[in-house]
Protein backbone atom coordinates (compact mmCIF):
# COMPACT_ATOMS: atom_id res chain seq x y z
CA MET A 1 124.12 98.14 92.97
CA THR A 2 123.94 100.29 89.82
CA PRO A 3 121.15 100.75 87.25
CA ASP A 4 122.53 97.99 85.04
CA SER A 5 123.98 95.64 87.65
CA ALA A 6 121.06 93.21 88.07
CA ARG A 7 120.37 90.36 85.69
CA ASP A 8 117.37 90.53 83.38
CA GLY A 9 116.34 86.92 83.84
CA GLN A 10 113.61 84.62 85.06
CA GLY A 11 113.39 83.13 88.51
CA GLN A 12 111.17 82.42 91.48
CA ARG A 13 107.74 84.04 91.32
CA LEU A 14 107.32 86.30 94.31
CA ARG A 15 104.44 87.36 96.53
CA ILE A 16 104.85 91.11 96.93
CA ALA A 17 102.94 93.55 99.14
CA TYR A 18 103.12 97.20 98.07
CA LEU A 19 102.58 99.86 100.76
CA LEU A 20 101.09 103.15 99.54
CA GLN A 21 99.26 106.13 100.95
CA GLN A 22 96.61 105.88 98.22
CA PHE A 23 96.21 103.84 95.05
CA PRO A 24 95.80 104.62 92.27
CA VAL A 25 96.63 108.32 92.06
CA PRO A 26 96.22 110.06 88.67
CA THR A 27 99.55 111.89 89.02
CA GLU A 28 101.46 108.72 90.00
CA THR A 29 100.97 106.49 86.98
CA PHE A 30 104.54 105.19 87.31
CA VAL A 31 103.68 102.94 90.28
CA VAL A 32 100.88 101.36 88.22
CA SER A 33 103.42 100.68 85.45
CA ASP A 34 105.78 99.04 87.95
CA ILE A 35 103.06 96.83 89.40
CA ALA A 36 101.69 95.93 85.96
CA ALA A 37 105.18 94.85 84.86
CA LEU A 38 105.57 92.63 87.93
CA VAL A 39 102.17 91.03 87.31
CA ALA A 40 103.02 90.45 83.64
CA GLN A 41 106.19 88.65 84.79
CA GLY A 42 104.11 86.24 86.86
CA HIS A 43 104.49 87.74 90.35
CA HIS A 44 101.56 88.12 92.75
CA VAL A 45 101.09 91.72 93.89
CA SER A 46 98.76 93.10 96.55
CA VAL A 47 98.46 96.76 97.53
CA TYR A 48 97.84 98.08 101.06
CA THR A 49 96.79 101.71 101.45
CA MET A 50 96.55 104.05 104.41
CA LYS A 51 93.64 105.97 102.91
CA TRP A 52 90.04 105.10 102.11
CA PRO A 53 89.01 104.50 98.47
CA PRO A 54 89.39 107.53 96.18
CA LYS A 55 86.37 109.15 94.56
CA ALA A 56 85.09 107.33 91.46
CA GLU A 57 87.35 104.42 92.38
CA GLN A 58 86.24 102.02 89.65
CA GLU A 59 86.58 104.63 86.93
CA LEU A 60 90.03 105.57 88.21
CA LEU A 61 91.16 101.94 88.36
CA LYS A 62 90.06 101.45 84.75
CA ARG A 63 91.58 104.70 83.51
CA SER A 64 94.86 103.93 85.27
CA ALA A 65 94.91 100.39 83.78
CA VAL A 66 95.47 98.68 87.13
CA PRO A 67 95.69 94.90 86.49
CA GLU A 68 92.52 93.15 87.63
CA SER A 69 94.50 90.54 89.56
CA VAL A 70 95.92 93.15 91.95
CA ALA A 71 94.09 93.00 95.29
CA ILE A 72 93.80 96.38 97.02
CA GLN A 73 93.40 96.31 100.80
CA ARG A 74 92.05 99.59 102.20
CA PRO A 75 90.81 100.70 105.62
CA SER A 76 87.24 99.66 106.41
CA TRP A 77 84.70 100.25 109.16
CA ALA A 78 84.74 96.54 109.96
CA GLY A 79 88.52 96.53 110.20
CA MET A 80 88.53 99.52 112.54
CA GLY A 81 86.62 97.47 115.10
CA ALA A 82 89.66 95.20 115.49
CA TRP A 83 92.18 98.02 115.92
CA PRO A 84 92.31 97.97 119.76
CA LYS A 85 92.93 94.22 119.78
CA LEU A 86 95.57 94.48 117.04
CA THR A 87 97.36 97.28 118.85
CA TRP A 88 97.60 95.04 121.91
CA GLN A 89 98.77 92.05 119.86
CA TRP A 90 101.47 94.19 118.24
CA ARG A 91 102.52 95.92 121.45
CA ARG A 92 106.11 94.68 121.10
CA SER A 93 106.38 96.77 117.92
CA LEU A 94 104.88 99.85 119.57
CA PRO A 95 108.16 101.21 121.02
CA ALA A 96 109.82 101.10 117.58
CA VAL A 97 106.95 102.96 115.90
CA LEU A 98 106.49 105.47 118.73
CA GLY A 99 110.24 106.06 118.87
CA ALA A 100 110.33 106.86 115.17
CA ILE A 101 107.44 109.31 115.52
CA ALA A 102 108.95 110.95 118.61
CA LYS A 103 112.03 111.91 116.59
CA GLY A 104 109.87 114.13 114.41
CA ALA A 105 107.54 115.55 117.05
CA LEU A 106 109.32 118.90 117.48
CA LYS A 107 110.33 119.56 113.88
CA ASN A 108 107.21 118.14 112.21
CA PRO A 109 104.44 118.26 114.83
CA LEU A 110 101.52 117.98 112.40
CA THR A 111 103.05 115.04 110.52
CA ALA A 112 103.89 113.38 113.86
CA ALA A 113 100.31 113.82 115.08
CA GLN A 114 99.01 112.29 111.86
CA ALA A 115 101.44 109.40 112.29
CA LEU A 116 100.12 108.70 115.79
CA LEU A 117 96.60 108.44 114.39
CA CYS A 118 97.88 106.02 111.74
CA ILE A 119 99.33 103.50 114.23
CA PRO A 120 96.24 101.21 114.39
CA ARG A 121 96.10 101.02 110.58
CA VAL A 122 99.87 100.40 110.49
CA PHE A 123 99.43 97.38 112.78
CA GLU A 124 96.41 96.18 110.80
CA ILE A 125 98.45 96.17 107.59
CA ALA A 126 101.43 94.51 109.30
CA ASP A 127 99.17 91.78 110.70
CA GLN A 128 97.56 91.11 107.33
CA ILE A 129 100.96 90.93 105.65
CA VAL A 130 102.32 88.41 108.16
CA ARG A 131 99.18 86.27 107.88
CA SER A 132 99.33 86.31 104.07
CA GLU A 133 102.95 85.04 104.03
CA PHE A 134 104.37 87.49 101.51
CA ASP A 135 107.96 87.14 100.32
CA VAL A 136 108.47 90.89 100.06
CA VAL A 137 106.83 93.97 101.54
CA HIS A 138 107.80 97.10 99.62
CA SER A 139 107.08 100.65 100.76
CA PHE A 140 106.57 103.01 97.83
CA TRP A 141 107.25 106.55 99.10
CA SER A 142 108.59 106.90 102.62
CA ARG A 143 105.44 108.33 104.14
CA HIS A 144 103.00 107.10 106.84
CA SER A 145 102.56 103.71 105.16
CA GLY A 146 106.31 103.19 105.57
CA LEU A 147 105.83 102.86 109.34
CA VAL A 148 104.72 99.29 108.62
CA LEU A 149 108.41 98.45 108.06
CA PRO A 150 109.68 99.29 111.59
CA ALA A 151 106.59 97.52 112.97
CA LEU A 152 107.55 94.38 111.03
CA LYS A 153 111.24 94.73 111.85
CA ALA A 154 110.47 94.23 115.55
CA ARG A 155 109.33 90.67 114.75
CA HIS A 156 111.83 87.83 114.42
CA GLU A 157 110.08 86.21 111.47
CA ARG A 158 108.92 88.59 108.79
CA PRO A 159 108.99 89.14 105.04
CA LEU A 160 111.85 90.90 103.29
CA CYS A 161 111.27 94.62 103.92
CA THR A 162 112.33 97.10 101.23
CA ALA A 163 111.54 100.71 100.39
CA TRP A 164 111.64 103.10 97.46
CA ALA A 165 112.66 106.70 98.08
CA GLY A 166 111.83 109.27 95.43
CA ALA A 167 112.36 112.96 94.95
CA TYR A 168 109.41 113.88 97.19
CA ASP A 169 111.03 111.91 100.02
CA ILE A 170 114.32 113.72 99.50
CA VAL A 171 112.56 117.08 99.63
CA ALA A 172 110.56 116.07 102.74
CA ASP A 173 113.64 114.58 104.47
CA ASP A 174 111.72 113.93 107.69
CA PHE A 175 111.36 111.27 110.38
CA LEU A 176 109.10 109.16 108.14
CA VAL A 177 111.90 108.85 105.59
CA ASP A 178 114.36 107.96 108.36
CA ALA A 179 112.01 105.35 109.85
CA THR A 180 111.19 103.73 106.51
CA LEU A 181 114.71 103.58 105.11
CA GLY A 182 116.13 102.62 108.49
CA ALA A 183 113.93 99.50 108.56
CA ALA A 184 114.44 98.59 104.89
CA GLU A 185 116.79 95.77 104.00
CA ILE A 186 117.10 97.28 100.52
CA ALA A 187 116.71 101.02 99.94
CA PHE A 188 115.81 101.58 96.29
CA SER A 189 115.83 104.82 94.34
CA HIS A 190 115.47 105.77 90.69
CA ALA A 191 118.49 107.99 89.99
CA GLU A 192 122.20 107.93 90.71
CA VAL A 193 121.94 111.57 91.78
CA ASN A 194 119.95 110.32 94.80
CA ARG A 195 122.69 107.97 96.00
CA ALA A 196 124.50 110.49 98.21
CA TYR A 197 121.25 111.26 100.03
CA LEU A 198 120.46 107.58 100.58
CA GLU A 199 123.97 106.92 101.90
CA ARG A 200 123.21 109.34 104.73
CA LYS A 201 120.17 107.22 105.64
CA ALA A 202 121.25 103.62 105.00
CA ASP A 203 124.27 101.36 104.75
CA PRO A 204 125.67 101.78 101.19
CA ALA A 205 125.57 97.99 100.81
CA ARG A 206 121.76 98.13 101.17
CA ILE A 207 121.26 100.75 98.45
CA ALA A 208 120.04 99.80 94.97
CA ILE A 209 119.73 102.43 92.25
CA ILE A 210 117.49 101.11 89.50
CA TRP A 211 116.22 103.52 86.85
CA GLN A 212 112.45 103.64 86.81
CA GLY A 213 110.96 102.68 83.48
CA ILE A 214 107.89 103.16 81.33
CA PRO A 215 105.82 100.66 79.33
CA LEU A 216 107.23 100.50 75.80
CA VAL A 217 103.90 100.71 74.00
CA ASP A 218 103.47 100.33 70.24
CA LEU A 219 104.19 103.46 68.23
CA ALA A 220 102.20 105.28 65.56
CA PRO A 221 103.60 105.66 62.00
CA GLU A 222 106.02 108.57 61.63
CA ASN A 223 104.00 110.03 58.76
CA GLU A 224 101.41 111.17 61.31
CA ARG A 225 103.86 113.58 62.96
CA GLU A 226 103.06 117.29 62.66
CA PRO A 227 106.35 119.16 61.99
CA PHE A 228 105.21 122.51 63.37
CA VAL A 229 103.59 121.31 66.61
CA TRP A 230 105.38 121.67 69.94
CA LEU A 231 104.00 120.15 73.13
CA THR A 232 104.31 120.47 76.89
CA THR A 233 102.39 118.71 79.66
CA SER A 234 102.37 119.33 83.40
CA SER A 235 100.29 120.69 86.21
CA LEU A 236 99.97 124.43 85.72
CA ASP A 237 101.62 125.81 88.84
CA VAL A 238 104.48 128.29 89.11
CA SER A 239 107.14 125.70 90.03
CA LYS A 240 106.55 123.86 86.76
CA ASN A 241 107.64 127.01 84.87
CA VAL A 242 105.33 126.62 81.90
CA GLU A 243 105.93 130.33 81.44
CA GLY A 244 109.48 129.48 80.37
CA VAL A 245 108.14 127.12 77.70
CA ILE A 246 105.74 129.78 76.42
CA ARG A 247 108.49 132.39 76.17
CA ALA A 248 110.81 129.94 74.36
CA PHE A 249 107.97 129.15 71.96
CA ALA A 250 107.30 132.86 71.33
CA LEU A 251 111.00 133.28 70.51
CA ALA A 252 110.86 130.37 68.08
CA ARG A 253 107.70 131.66 66.46
CA GLU A 254 109.46 134.87 65.48
CA ARG A 255 111.56 132.72 63.17
CA GLN A 256 108.88 130.15 62.19
CA PRO A 257 105.34 131.62 62.26
CA LYS A 258 103.78 128.22 61.44
CA LEU A 259 104.64 126.83 64.89
CA ARG A 260 101.87 125.81 67.27
CA LEU A 261 102.13 124.99 70.99
CA ARG A 262 99.78 122.63 72.84
CA ILE A 263 99.74 122.84 76.63
CA LEU A 264 98.29 119.74 78.31
CA GLY A 265 97.38 120.00 81.98
CA ASP A 266 95.60 122.34 84.33
CA GLY A 267 96.21 124.18 87.57
CA PRO A 268 96.11 127.47 89.46
CA ASP A 269 98.69 129.21 87.24
CA ARG A 270 96.55 128.89 84.10
CA PRO A 271 94.97 132.40 84.16
CA ARG A 272 98.40 134.04 84.50
CA LEU A 273 99.83 131.87 81.71
CA GLU A 274 96.92 132.73 79.41
CA SER A 275 97.61 136.41 80.10
CA ILE A 276 101.30 135.97 79.18
CA VAL A 277 100.27 134.27 75.93
CA ARG A 278 98.10 137.27 75.05
CA GLU A 279 100.86 139.73 75.94
CA LEU A 280 103.27 137.87 73.64
CA GLY A 281 100.75 137.96 70.79
CA CYS A 282 100.55 134.16 70.54
CA SER A 283 96.89 133.54 71.40
CA GLU A 284 96.05 132.01 68.04
CA ALA A 285 99.10 129.71 68.18
CA VAL A 286 98.84 128.38 71.76
CA ALA A 287 96.14 125.92 72.87
CA PHE A 288 95.41 125.14 76.53
CA ALA A 289 93.90 121.65 76.45
CA GLY A 290 93.33 121.18 80.19
CA HIS A 291 93.59 117.76 81.81
CA VAL A 292 94.10 115.01 79.21
CA PRO A 293 94.06 111.23 79.90
CA ARG A 294 97.44 109.52 79.86
CA ASP A 295 96.85 107.56 76.65
CA GLU A 296 95.81 110.74 74.83
CA VAL A 297 98.91 112.54 76.13
CA PHE A 298 101.09 109.85 74.57
CA ALA A 299 99.10 109.96 71.34
CA GLN A 300 99.71 113.69 71.10
CA MET A 301 103.41 113.18 71.85
CA GLN A 302 103.61 110.89 68.82
CA ARG A 303 102.20 113.67 66.63
CA ALA A 304 104.30 116.55 68.00
CA SER A 305 107.77 117.38 66.71
CA ALA A 306 109.15 118.70 70.00
CA PHE A 307 108.43 118.35 73.70
CA LEU A 308 109.53 121.02 76.18
CA ILE A 309 109.64 120.83 79.98
CA PHE A 310 111.24 123.73 81.87
CA SER A 311 110.26 122.71 85.39
CA LYS A 312 112.03 124.22 88.40
CA LYS A 313 110.22 122.05 90.93
CA LYS A 314 112.55 120.74 93.64
CA SER A 315 111.13 117.23 93.39
CA GLU A 316 111.67 116.97 89.62
CA ARG A 317 114.13 114.14 89.02
CA LEU A 318 114.16 112.01 85.85
CA PRO A 319 110.46 112.67 85.13
CA ASN A 320 108.60 109.86 83.41
CA VAL A 321 106.97 112.31 81.05
CA VAL A 322 110.40 112.96 79.50
CA LYS A 323 110.93 109.22 79.03
CA GLU A 324 107.53 108.96 77.36
CA ALA A 325 108.27 111.90 75.07
CA LEU A 326 111.60 110.37 74.04
CA TRP A 327 109.94 107.02 73.32
CA ALA A 328 107.18 108.80 71.40
CA GLY A 329 109.80 110.35 69.12
CA CYS A 330 109.68 114.00 70.16
CA THR A 331 112.82 116.07 70.18
CA VAL A 332 112.99 116.83 73.91
CA VAL A 333 114.20 120.02 75.57
CA SER A 334 114.41 119.74 79.36
CA SER A 335 115.45 122.06 82.14
CA ASN A 336 118.64 121.10 84.00
CA THR A 337 116.94 119.34 86.90
CA PRO A 338 119.03 117.09 89.20
CA GLY A 339 120.17 113.90 87.47
CA ILE A 340 118.71 114.77 84.06
CA GLU A 341 122.03 113.80 82.44
CA GLU A 342 121.21 110.18 83.35
CA LEU A 343 118.17 110.41 81.09
CA ILE A 344 119.49 112.80 78.43
CA PRO A 345 123.26 112.16 78.34
CA ASP A 346 123.99 114.20 75.21
CA GLU A 347 122.40 116.20 72.38
CA GLY A 348 122.16 113.07 70.29
CA ILE A 349 119.30 112.10 72.65
CA GLY A 350 117.84 115.52 73.50
CA TYR A 351 118.66 118.97 74.83
CA VAL A 352 119.21 120.12 78.42
CA VAL A 353 119.13 123.83 79.17
CA ASP A 354 119.04 126.28 82.07
CA PRO A 355 115.63 127.90 81.55
CA ASP A 356 116.92 131.14 83.14
CA ASP A 357 119.78 131.42 80.63
CA THR A 358 118.16 133.32 77.76
CA GLU A 359 121.17 132.86 75.47
CA ALA A 360 121.20 129.10 76.05
CA VAL A 361 117.46 128.88 75.43
CA ALA A 362 117.88 130.84 72.18
CA ARG A 363 120.67 128.49 71.08
CA VAL A 364 118.48 125.42 71.67
CA VAL A 365 115.52 127.04 69.92
CA ASN A 366 117.71 127.73 66.90
CA ALA A 367 119.00 124.15 66.99
CA LEU A 368 115.44 122.84 67.01
CA LEU A 369 114.39 124.99 64.09
CA GLY A 370 117.57 124.24 62.18
CA SER A 371 117.40 120.44 62.47
CA SER A 372 116.67 118.54 59.30
CA GLU A 373 114.21 115.65 59.23
CA THR A 374 117.16 113.28 58.79
CA GLU A 375 118.79 114.64 61.96
CA ALA A 376 115.47 114.41 63.85
CA ALA A 377 115.01 110.81 62.71
CA GLU A 378 118.51 109.89 63.87
CA ARG A 379 117.84 111.48 67.23
CA ARG A 380 114.56 109.57 67.54
CA GLY A 381 116.33 106.30 66.83
CA ARG A 382 119.06 106.94 69.40
CA ALA A 383 116.58 108.13 72.03
CA ARG A 384 114.32 105.12 71.59
CA ALA A 385 117.24 102.70 71.76
CA TYR A 386 118.43 104.39 74.97
CA ILE A 387 114.98 104.25 76.56
CA ALA A 388 114.50 100.60 75.54
CA GLU A 389 117.82 99.64 77.07
CA HIS A 390 117.70 101.62 80.31
CA PHE A 391 114.16 102.86 81.00
CA SER A 392 111.80 99.99 80.19
CA SER A 393 109.43 99.19 83.06
CA ASP A 394 109.72 95.50 82.19
CA LYS A 395 113.52 95.48 82.48
CA GLY A 396 113.49 97.73 85.52
CA MET A 397 111.12 95.50 87.46
CA ARG A 398 113.10 92.40 86.49
CA ARG A 399 116.06 94.08 88.16
CA TYR A 400 113.91 94.70 91.24
CA ALA A 401 112.86 91.05 91.31
CA ASP A 402 116.47 89.94 90.96
CA ALA A 403 117.50 92.18 93.89
CA TRP A 404 114.66 90.78 96.02
CA ARG A 405 115.52 87.15 95.14
CA GLN A 406 119.21 87.71 95.85
CA LYS A 407 118.44 89.15 99.27
CA LEU A 408 115.94 86.39 100.07
CA LYS A 409 118.49 83.76 99.07
CA GLY A 410 121.14 85.34 101.29
CA SER A 411 118.73 85.46 104.23
CA ALA A 412 117.81 81.79 103.77
CA GLN A 413 121.48 80.77 103.70
CA ARG A 414 122.19 82.58 106.98
CA ARG A 415 119.43 80.70 108.84
């Protein structure tokens, strides 16, 4: 399957169980968008987590805009009392789970030890899923929660088991990824660049690449845009290379002194970055805003003229923040992370640059400063049309639902 191969149509409403380590997580807003899109399309979604409730759970649920209809099943003290009985009842699945963990014992001893401790919760989730008669159980991230899939696979009658593998899974590349994808009847991922990796883990016929989308929220009037404001947002750690953005901005400011840079996000690299800003003589032009709620980030994107992300992080693949910046109307400059050409195919959409190539960075900076408002408006129109066609969370999750229905139909016909 390819990103555009599935139909965008209506069909059977599905009962879907999502498996996650924790939910919600402030840095993983994309899974909330996926679930919200499925709920809006009429599907029933429940979430099962490995971890206990996060701090300030209700505030986080509200801030993340988790649909109220989504039931979240977490570990509980009462549930723990039934773990010995459940482990006995699911003993036929124990060899499959233990076998998967054993494969990682030497290379990943700490992760394997953690996985052993997770077994009772894995069986508790599997039992609840079977009793609730879900159509689909979907593992999001191939981590400890993904062990539910091999536990279910050992049963003759079970829901359709699928999994999503993201960039963090590819970087981890451990026994948990192998166990989860090995038990999945469909192995999903969000970028064509990930296909070669998945083909080493699963039958190519079971792989579905569906671009992950964003909610296409209403946009502010263009007359509110500030022509001399540039923006970046990320956690402030060295791998995100915010330093590269600051140095590109300082270069641009030599030509256009009116420019201002807003840095949204926080992290351990902030003191060093603030020192670099002072050394470059840009203190009055650069603002560190700290952590900013997601809706405010998007509001600021709609006011900025350009958005820069120069990340070098290994797990950076088709970041949602770039999709949001393109939809918001920023001229985007991104580092050449794996698969970025799927999101920014040409300079009519945005710019891709090697952040270590000073000449290339200078060329893009000059292109940004030299663009007319007419050219920027044309780029905004093309970028928004591209995002609406390929990176809408509504369309993306319809493609997921189509893939699930197709597989369920095929399974029913074989019985």
